[in-house]
Amino acid sequence: MIDNQNKILSVFKFKRMIFPIIIGLGVASYLFYRSYNPEVFNNINWTFQSLLWILLAIVLMAIRDIAYMYRIRLLTDKQLSWRKSFDVIMLWEFGSSVTPSVVGGSALALFIVNREGINFGKTTAIVLTTSLLDELFYVIMVPIVVIIVGANELFLNYSSFGFFNSSFGSFGIFIIGYIFILILISIIIYGIFINPRGLKWLLIKIFKLRYLRRWLISAAKTGDDLIITSREMKGKSIWFWLKAFGSTFISWTARFWVVNVMILAFSPVNDHFLIYARQLVMWVILLISPTPGGSGVAEFIFSDFLGEFIIPGLAPGLALLWRLFSFYPYLFIGAIILPGWLKRVYSKK
């Protein structure tokens, strides 16, 4: 018990919080300095309507979190109260904010949900199912936005990102990321709903190969997780899955529309759906970000992908405002509720 408490406390150390803040503010400040134009800020027409749009952005972030809280209650068969669901989601988001995007907060989520009294088998199923639902939203929405918006409008030819000594445009990164997510979600669906034991057997066979043997134990553990998740989720009704995916859709849509209403606070918007669609491309790039919570990368690609919809020179400032609403609050809320949460979950007996 003490070891587990020390493990979670190590994630919530002050240096874990300050690192993404320094990176994010550093990049935002550099971009702001590079494009600063006093006339742009002097000509901003701040009205009561602007304030309403900013308040709506805050409301949308609240809707995002409430939808996540509803989903976690649904997946736990309401074993978690709304208050406990709030603690779980905030600490989960904190974990995602202080770990690199390629790692995510899933390992911390397993610990948090389990400490709320959910048995480990069900906890494993819940965390894996949330990942499945999030990826499923992406896999479904991408073809829709490409059909409606068109590939020429969605992808930026001038954006280039370097990986493994190669340079890829936004379209290349998008395709690589989408194919990877599609393969991953196909494997998870097959493992959960069709043949979990067969997939575990295949994973073990693959990772017995000479150059993959070091990950054999992890592969076997993944297979066990799929079997457990299959037992927990196979008997759920269609209505259960519709509610689970509906809450996922509401949460992600609310998160993306925060950017739309923020831009509306300062300038008119003619194509809201294109802004929404561009954020799907941004999300792929943030998924492979090596920095905690995508810090620095998020501020940079915001201006790159959405700058054409914003008054010239204002994009870096809006990027910072966007992160102030959608990223930094989870760092502080998580740190605030952590002591009370630890006291509650470790004093149940």
Protein backbone atom coordinates (compact mmCIF):
# COMPACT_ATOMS: atom_id res chain seq x y z
CA MET A 1 0.00 0.00 0.00
CA ILE A 2 2.77 2.39 0.94
CA ASP A 3 4.64 1.55 -2.26
CA ASN A 4 1.55 2.35 -4.33
CA GLN A 5 1.07 5.63 -2.50
CA ASN A 6 4.70 6.57 -3.10
CA LYS A 7 4.31 5.66 -6.77
CA ILE A 8 1.37 8.00 -7.32
CA LEU A 9 2.97 10.76 -5.26
CA SER A 10 6.04 10.58 -7.51
CA VAL A 11 3.78 11.40 -10.50
CA PHE A 12 2.31 14.40 -8.66
CA LYS A 13 5.62 15.95 -7.64
CA PHE A 14 6.04 19.68 -8.20
CA LYS A 15 8.71 19.19 -10.86
CA ARG A 16 6.24 17.07 -12.84
CA MET A 17 3.85 20.03 -12.88
CA ILE A 18 6.34 22.77 -13.59
CA PHE A 19 8.02 21.04 -16.53
CA PRO A 20 5.03 21.13 -18.96
CA ILE A 21 4.17 24.65 -17.78
CA ILE A 22 7.68 25.92 -18.57
CA ILE A 23 7.71 24.24 -21.99
CA GLY A 24 4.24 25.46 -22.95
CA LEU A 25 4.69 29.03 -21.74
CA GLY A 26 8.18 29.16 -23.25
CA VAL A 27 6.99 28.20 -26.73
CA ALA A 28 3.91 30.43 -26.48
CA SER A 29 6.06 33.39 -25.37
CA TYR A 30 8.50 32.86 -28.23
CA LEU A 31 5.72 32.68 -30.81
CA PHE A 32 4.04 35.72 -29.25
CA TYR A 33 7.30 37.71 -29.34
CA ARG A 34 8.04 36.70 -32.92
CA SER A 35 4.67 37.85 -34.24
CA TYR A 36 3.89 40.70 -31.81
CA ASN A 37 2.27 43.71 -33.41
CA PRO A 38 0.93 46.47 -31.08
CA GLU A 39 -1.60 47.59 -33.68
CA VAL A 40 -3.26 44.16 -33.70
CA PHE A 41 -4.00 44.32 -29.98
CA ASN A 42 -4.98 47.97 -30.07
CA ASN A 43 -7.56 47.23 -32.74
CA ILE A 44 -9.21 44.34 -30.92
CA ASN A 45 -12.87 45.15 -30.45
CA TRP A 46 -13.62 43.71 -27.01
CA THR A 47 -17.41 43.64 -26.49
CA PHE A 48 -19.91 42.05 -24.15
CA GLN A 49 -20.43 39.43 -26.87
CA SER A 50 -16.72 38.59 -26.68
CA LEU A 51 -17.09 37.92 -22.97
CA LEU A 52 -20.04 35.62 -23.63
CA TRP A 53 -17.99 33.58 -26.12
CA ILE A 54 -15.18 33.22 -23.57
CA LEU A 55 -17.67 32.11 -20.92
CA LEU A 56 -19.10 29.60 -23.40
CA ALA A 57 -15.60 28.17 -23.87
CA ILE A 58 -15.46 27.55 -20.11
CA VAL A 59 -18.91 25.94 -20.22
CA LEU A 60 -17.82 23.65 -23.06
CA MET A 61 -14.82 22.47 -21.02
CA ALA A 62 -17.21 21.73 -18.15
CA ILE A 63 -19.46 19.76 -20.54
CA ARG A 64 -16.42 17.80 -21.69
CA ASP A 65 -15.57 16.78 -18.13
CA ILE A 66 -19.19 16.01 -17.18
CA ALA A 67 -19.48 13.72 -20.22
CA TYR A 68 -16.31 11.91 -19.13
CA MET A 69 -17.67 11.63 -15.58
CA TYR A 70 -20.92 10.16 -16.92
CA ARG A 71 -18.94 7.65 -18.99
CA ILE A 72 -16.82 6.48 -16.07
CA ARG A 73 -19.98 6.02 -13.97
CA LEU A 74 -21.56 4.06 -16.81
CA LEU A 75 -18.52 1.80 -17.23
CA THR A 76 -18.37 1.13 -13.47
CA ASP A 77 -22.11 0.34 -13.35
CA LYS A 78 -22.52 3.44 -11.15
CA GLN A 79 -20.22 2.11 -8.45
CA LEU A 80 -18.66 5.56 -8.46
CA SER A 81 -20.63 8.57 -7.25
CA TRP A 82 -20.51 11.83 -9.18
CA ARG A 83 -18.03 13.20 -6.63
CA LYS A 84 -15.74 10.17 -6.91
CA SER A 85 -16.07 10.32 -10.71
CA PHE A 86 -14.91 13.94 -10.58
CA ASP A 87 -11.83 12.97 -8.57
CA VAL A 88 -11.01 10.09 -10.93
CA ILE A 89 -11.34 12.19 -14.11
CA MET A 90 -9.36 15.14 -12.72
CA LEU A 91 -6.52 12.92 -11.50
CA TRP A 92 -6.61 10.97 -14.76
CA GLU A 93 -6.32 14.21 -16.73
CA PHE A 94 -3.51 15.31 -14.46
CA GLY A 95 -1.63 12.09 -15.23
CA SER A 96 -2.08 12.68 -18.95
CA SER A 97 -0.85 16.27 -18.55
CA VAL A 98 2.42 15.40 -16.84
CA THR A 99 3.37 12.39 -18.98
CA PRO A 100 4.38 12.41 -22.66
CA SER A 101 1.43 12.07 -25.04
CA VAL A 102 2.91 8.87 -26.46
CA VAL A 103 2.70 7.38 -22.94
CA GLY A 104 -0.58 8.82 -21.71
CA GLY A 105 -2.12 8.45 -18.26
CA SER A 106 -3.50 4.91 -18.56
CA ALA A 107 -1.11 3.34 -16.04
CA LEU A 108 -2.04 5.99 -13.48
CA ALA A 109 -5.73 5.53 -14.37
CA LEU A 110 -5.52 1.83 -13.47
CA PHE A 111 -4.24 2.74 -10.03
CA ILE A 112 -6.78 5.54 -9.45
CA VAL A 113 -9.87 3.53 -10.46
CA ASN A 114 -8.70 0.49 -8.50
CA ARG A 115 -8.18 2.57 -5.35
CA GLU A 116 -11.82 3.67 -5.59
CA GLY A 117 -12.82 0.12 -4.71
CA ILE A 118 -13.24 -1.29 -8.22
CA ASN A 119 -11.69 -4.75 -8.51
CA PHE A 120 -8.59 -4.92 -10.70
CA GLY A 121 -10.22 -7.02 -13.41
CA LYS A 122 -13.02 -4.52 -13.90
CA THR A 123 -10.56 -1.61 -13.64
CA THR A 124 -8.53 -3.08 -16.49
CA ALA A 125 -11.70 -3.43 -18.58
CA ILE A 126 -12.75 0.17 -17.85
CA VAL A 127 -9.42 1.74 -18.81
CA LEU A 128 -9.08 -0.35 -21.96
CA THR A 129 -12.69 0.40 -22.97
CA THR A 130 -12.21 4.15 -22.55
CA SER A 131 -9.23 3.97 -24.90
CA LEU A 132 -11.30 1.95 -27.36
CA LEU A 133 -14.14 4.51 -27.31
CA ASP A 134 -11.78 7.47 -27.76
CA GLU A 135 -10.04 5.84 -30.72
CA LEU A 136 -13.39 4.75 -32.19
CA PHE A 137 -14.57 8.37 -32.18
CA TYR A 138 -11.53 9.32 -34.20
CA VAL A 139 -11.79 6.43 -36.66
CA ILE A 140 -15.45 7.25 -37.36
CA MET A 141 -15.12 11.04 -37.56
CA VAL A 142 -12.13 11.16 -39.92
CA PRO A 143 -13.93 9.81 -43.02
CA ILE A 144 -16.88 12.10 -42.28
CA VAL A 145 -14.81 15.28 -42.13
CA VAL A 146 -12.75 14.31 -45.18
CA ILE A 147 -15.97 13.81 -47.20
CA ILE A 148 -17.51 17.09 -46.00
CA VAL A 149 -14.43 19.32 -45.97
CA GLY A 150 -12.24 17.71 -48.62
CA ALA A 151 -8.60 16.67 -48.32
CA ASN A 152 -7.30 19.86 -49.97
CA GLU A 153 -8.82 22.05 -47.25
CA LEU A 154 -8.05 19.69 -44.39
CA PHE A 155 -4.32 19.21 -44.86
CA LEU A 156 -1.61 21.87 -44.89
CA ASN A 157 1.02 21.47 -47.55
CA TYR A 158 3.41 23.83 -45.81
CA SER A 159 3.46 21.93 -42.49
CA SER A 160 6.42 19.59 -42.15
CA PHE A 161 7.50 17.43 -39.23
CA GLY A 162 10.66 15.38 -38.90
CA PHE A 163 10.75 11.81 -37.60
CA PHE A 164 13.50 9.20 -37.86
CA ASN A 165 15.64 11.38 -40.15
CA SER A 166 12.69 11.81 -42.54
CA SER A 167 10.37 14.73 -43.18
CA PHE A 168 6.61 14.25 -43.42
CA GLY A 169 3.93 16.77 -44.34
CA SER A 170 0.73 17.00 -42.30
CA PHE A 171 -0.96 14.61 -44.73
CA GLY A 172 1.78 12.00 -44.27
CA ILE A 173 1.68 12.23 -40.47
CA PHE A 174 -2.11 12.06 -40.57
CA ILE A 175 -2.17 8.92 -42.74
CA ILE A 176 0.50 7.17 -40.65
CA GLY A 177 -1.35 8.03 -37.44
CA TYR A 178 -4.76 7.07 -38.79
CA ILE A 179 -3.55 3.69 -40.10
CA PHE A 180 -1.85 2.98 -36.78
CA ILE A 181 -5.03 3.84 -34.83
CA LEU A 182 -7.16 1.80 -37.25
CA ILE A 183 -4.92 -1.26 -36.81
CA LEU A 184 -4.86 -0.80 -33.03
CA ILE A 185 -8.63 -0.48 -32.70
CA SER A 186 -9.17 -3.48 -34.99
CA ILE A 187 -6.90 -5.60 -32.77
CA ILE A 188 -8.69 -4.42 -29.61
CA ILE A 189 -12.16 -5.10 -31.05
CA TYR A 190 -11.05 -8.55 -32.21
CA GLY A 191 -9.49 -9.25 -28.81
CA ILE A 192 -12.49 -8.06 -26.78
CA PHE A 193 -15.47 -9.21 -28.82
CA ILE A 194 -14.29 -12.09 -31.02
CA ASN A 195 -11.34 -14.17 -29.83
CA PRO A 196 -9.38 -12.83 -26.82
CA ARG A 197 -7.59 -16.13 -26.09
CA GLY A 198 -6.62 -16.56 -29.73
CA LEU A 199 -5.16 -13.04 -29.80
CA LYS A 200 -3.21 -13.69 -26.60
CA TRP A 201 -1.78 -16.87 -28.16
CA LEU A 202 -0.79 -14.92 -31.29
CA LEU A 203 0.86 -12.14 -29.24
CA ILE A 204 2.92 -14.65 -27.28
CA LYS A 205 4.01 -16.40 -30.50
CA ILE A 206 5.06 -13.11 -32.08
CA PHE A 207 6.96 -11.89 -29.03
CA LYS A 208 8.83 -15.16 -28.66
CA LEU A 209 10.81 -14.11 -31.72
CA ARG A 210 14.44 -13.38 -30.92
CA TYR A 211 14.38 -9.59 -31.27
CA LEU A 212 11.01 -9.17 -29.55
CA ARG A 213 11.56 -11.53 -26.62
CA ARG A 214 12.33 -8.73 -24.16
CA TRP A 215 8.66 -7.64 -24.41
CA LEU A 216 7.19 -11.15 -24.05
CA ILE A 217 5.95 -10.61 -20.48
CA SER A 218 4.26 -7.34 -21.44
CA ALA A 219 2.64 -9.03 -24.45
CA ALA A 220 1.28 -11.82 -22.24
CA LYS A 221 -0.03 -9.21 -19.78
CA THR A 222 -1.78 -7.40 -22.65
CA GLY A 223 -3.39 -10.68 -23.66
CA ASP A 224 -4.61 -11.22 -20.10
CA ASP A 225 -6.05 -7.69 -20.04
CA LEU A 226 -7.99 -8.39 -23.25
CA ILE A 227 -9.43 -11.61 -21.81
CA ILE A 228 -10.52 -9.81 -18.63
CA THR A 229 -12.04 -6.95 -20.62
CA SER A 230 -13.87 -9.41 -22.85
CA ARG A 231 -15.47 -11.08 -19.83
CA GLU A 232 -16.58 -7.73 -18.42
CA MET A 233 -17.87 -6.11 -21.62
CA LYS A 234 -19.16 -8.91 -23.88
CA GLY A 235 -22.60 -9.10 -22.27
CA LYS A 236 -23.32 -5.36 -22.38
CA SER A 237 -26.40 -4.23 -24.29
CA ILE A 238 -26.51 -2.12 -27.44
CA TRP A 239 -28.05 0.67 -25.35
CA PHE A 240 -25.03 0.58 -23.02
CA TRP A 241 -22.61 1.00 -25.94
CA LEU A 242 -24.71 3.78 -27.49
CA LYS A 243 -24.63 5.72 -24.22
CA ALA A 244 -20.91 5.08 -23.80
CA PHE A 245 -20.08 6.26 -27.33
CA GLY A 246 -22.58 9.15 -27.09
CA SER A 247 -20.83 10.52 -24.00
CA THR A 248 -17.49 10.09 -25.77
CA PHE A 249 -18.77 11.99 -28.80
CA ILE A 250 -20.14 14.84 -26.65
CA SER A 251 -16.90 15.09 -24.67
CA TRP A 252 -14.60 15.27 -27.71
CA THR A 253 -16.92 17.60 -29.64
CA ALA A 254 -17.16 20.00 -26.69
CA ARG A 255 -13.38 19.96 -26.39
CA PHE A 256 -12.89 20.82 -30.07
CA TRP A 257 -15.57 23.53 -30.14
CA VAL A 258 -13.75 25.43 -27.40
CA VAL A 259 -11.39 26.68 -30.12
CA ASN A 260 -14.29 27.78 -32.33
CA VAL A 261 -15.91 29.95 -29.70
CA MET A 262 -12.56 31.40 -28.62
CA ILE A 263 -11.90 32.57 -32.17
CA LEU A 264 -15.44 33.98 -32.33
CA ALA A 265 -14.65 36.14 -29.31
CA PHE A 266 -12.19 38.16 -31.42
CA SER A 267 -13.14 37.72 -35.08
CA PRO A 268 -15.97 36.33 -37.22
CA VAL A 269 -15.78 32.70 -38.36
CA ASN A 270 -17.08 31.60 -41.75
CA ASP A 271 -16.30 27.88 -41.61
CA HIS A 272 -16.73 26.33 -38.18
CA PHE A 273 -16.63 22.75 -39.42
CA LEU A 274 -13.26 23.25 -41.10
CA ILE A 275 -11.79 24.48 -37.80
CA TYR A 276 -13.28 21.42 -36.11
CA ALA A 277 -11.84 19.16 -38.83
CA ARG A 278 -8.36 20.70 -38.61
CA GLN A 279 -8.27 19.81 -34.92
CA LEU A 280 -8.64 16.13 -35.79
CA VAL A 281 -5.37 16.43 -37.72
CA MET A 282 -3.79 18.32 -34.81
CA TRP A 283 -4.81 15.53 -32.44
CA VAL A 284 -2.81 12.92 -34.38
CA ILE A 285 0.33 15.03 -34.11
CA LEU A 286 -0.27 15.63 -30.38
CA LEU A 287 -0.69 11.87 -29.85
CA ILE A 288 2.93 11.30 -30.88
CA SER A 289 4.30 14.29 -28.99
CA PRO A 290 7.28 13.42 -26.75
CA THR A 291 6.55 16.30 -24.36
CA PRO A 292 4.24 16.10 -21.29
CA GLY A 293 0.66 16.71 -22.42
CA GLY A 294 1.93 17.91 -25.80
CA SER A 295 3.38 21.07 -24.21
CA GLY A 296 5.15 23.29 -26.73
CA VAL A 297 3.99 21.17 -29.67
CA ALA A 298 0.34 22.15 -29.09
CA GLU A 299 1.11 25.87 -28.99
CA PHE A 300 3.16 25.64 -32.17
CA ILE A 301 0.71 23.64 -34.30
CA PHE A 302 -2.24 25.76 -33.13
CA SER A 303 -0.86 28.76 -35.00
CA ASP A 304 0.18 26.58 -37.92
CA PHE A 305 -3.18 24.87 -38.44
CA LEU A 306 -5.64 27.54 -37.36
CA GLY A 307 -3.78 30.79 -38.02
CA GLU A 308 -5.72 31.53 -41.23
CA PHE A 309 -8.96 31.85 -39.24
CA ILE A 310 -7.50 34.32 -36.75
CA ILE A 311 -6.55 37.98 -37.02
CA PRO A 312 -2.87 38.08 -38.14
CA GLY A 313 -0.59 38.35 -35.10
CA LEU A 314 -3.22 37.14 -32.65
CA ALA A 315 -2.79 33.38 -33.10
CA PRO A 316 -0.01 32.87 -30.47
CA GLY A 317 -2.08 34.74 -27.88
CA LEU A 318 -5.13 32.62 -28.64
CA ALA A 319 -2.99 29.47 -28.50
CA LEU A 320 -1.98 30.41 -24.96
CA LEU A 321 -5.60 31.18 -24.03
CA TRP A 322 -6.67 27.82 -25.45
CA ARG A 323 -4.14 25.98 -23.27
CA LEU A 324 -5.17 28.05 -20.24
CA PHE A 325 -8.66 26.65 -20.66
CA SER A 326 -7.94 23.11 -21.85
CA PHE A 327 -4.65 22.06 -20.25
CA TYR A 328 -3.29 24.05 -17.31
CA PRO A 329 -6.44 23.80 -15.10
CA TYR A 330 -5.99 20.02 -14.83
CA LEU A 331 -2.48 20.49 -13.44
CA PHE A 332 -3.72 22.67 -10.60
CA ILE A 333 -7.03 20.89 -9.92
CA GLY A 334 -5.25 17.53 -9.78
CA ALA A 335 -2.68 18.87 -7.30
CA ILE A 336 -5.41 20.42 -5.15
CA ILE A 337 -7.63 17.35 -4.83
CA LEU A 338 -4.79 14.81 -4.51
CA PRO A 339 -4.18 15.13 -0.71
CA GLY A 340 -7.89 14.73 0.11
CA TRP A 341 -8.23 11.85 -2.34
CA LEU A 342 -5.25 9.99 -0.86
CA LYS A 343 -6.62 10.48 2.64
CA ARG A 344 -10.03 9.16 1.58
CA VAL A 345 -8.91 6.07 -0.39
CA TYR A 346 -6.31 5.02 2.18
CA SER A 347 -8.52 5.47 5.24
CA LYS A 348 -11.54 3.46 4.06
CA LYS A 349 -10.88 0.76 6.65
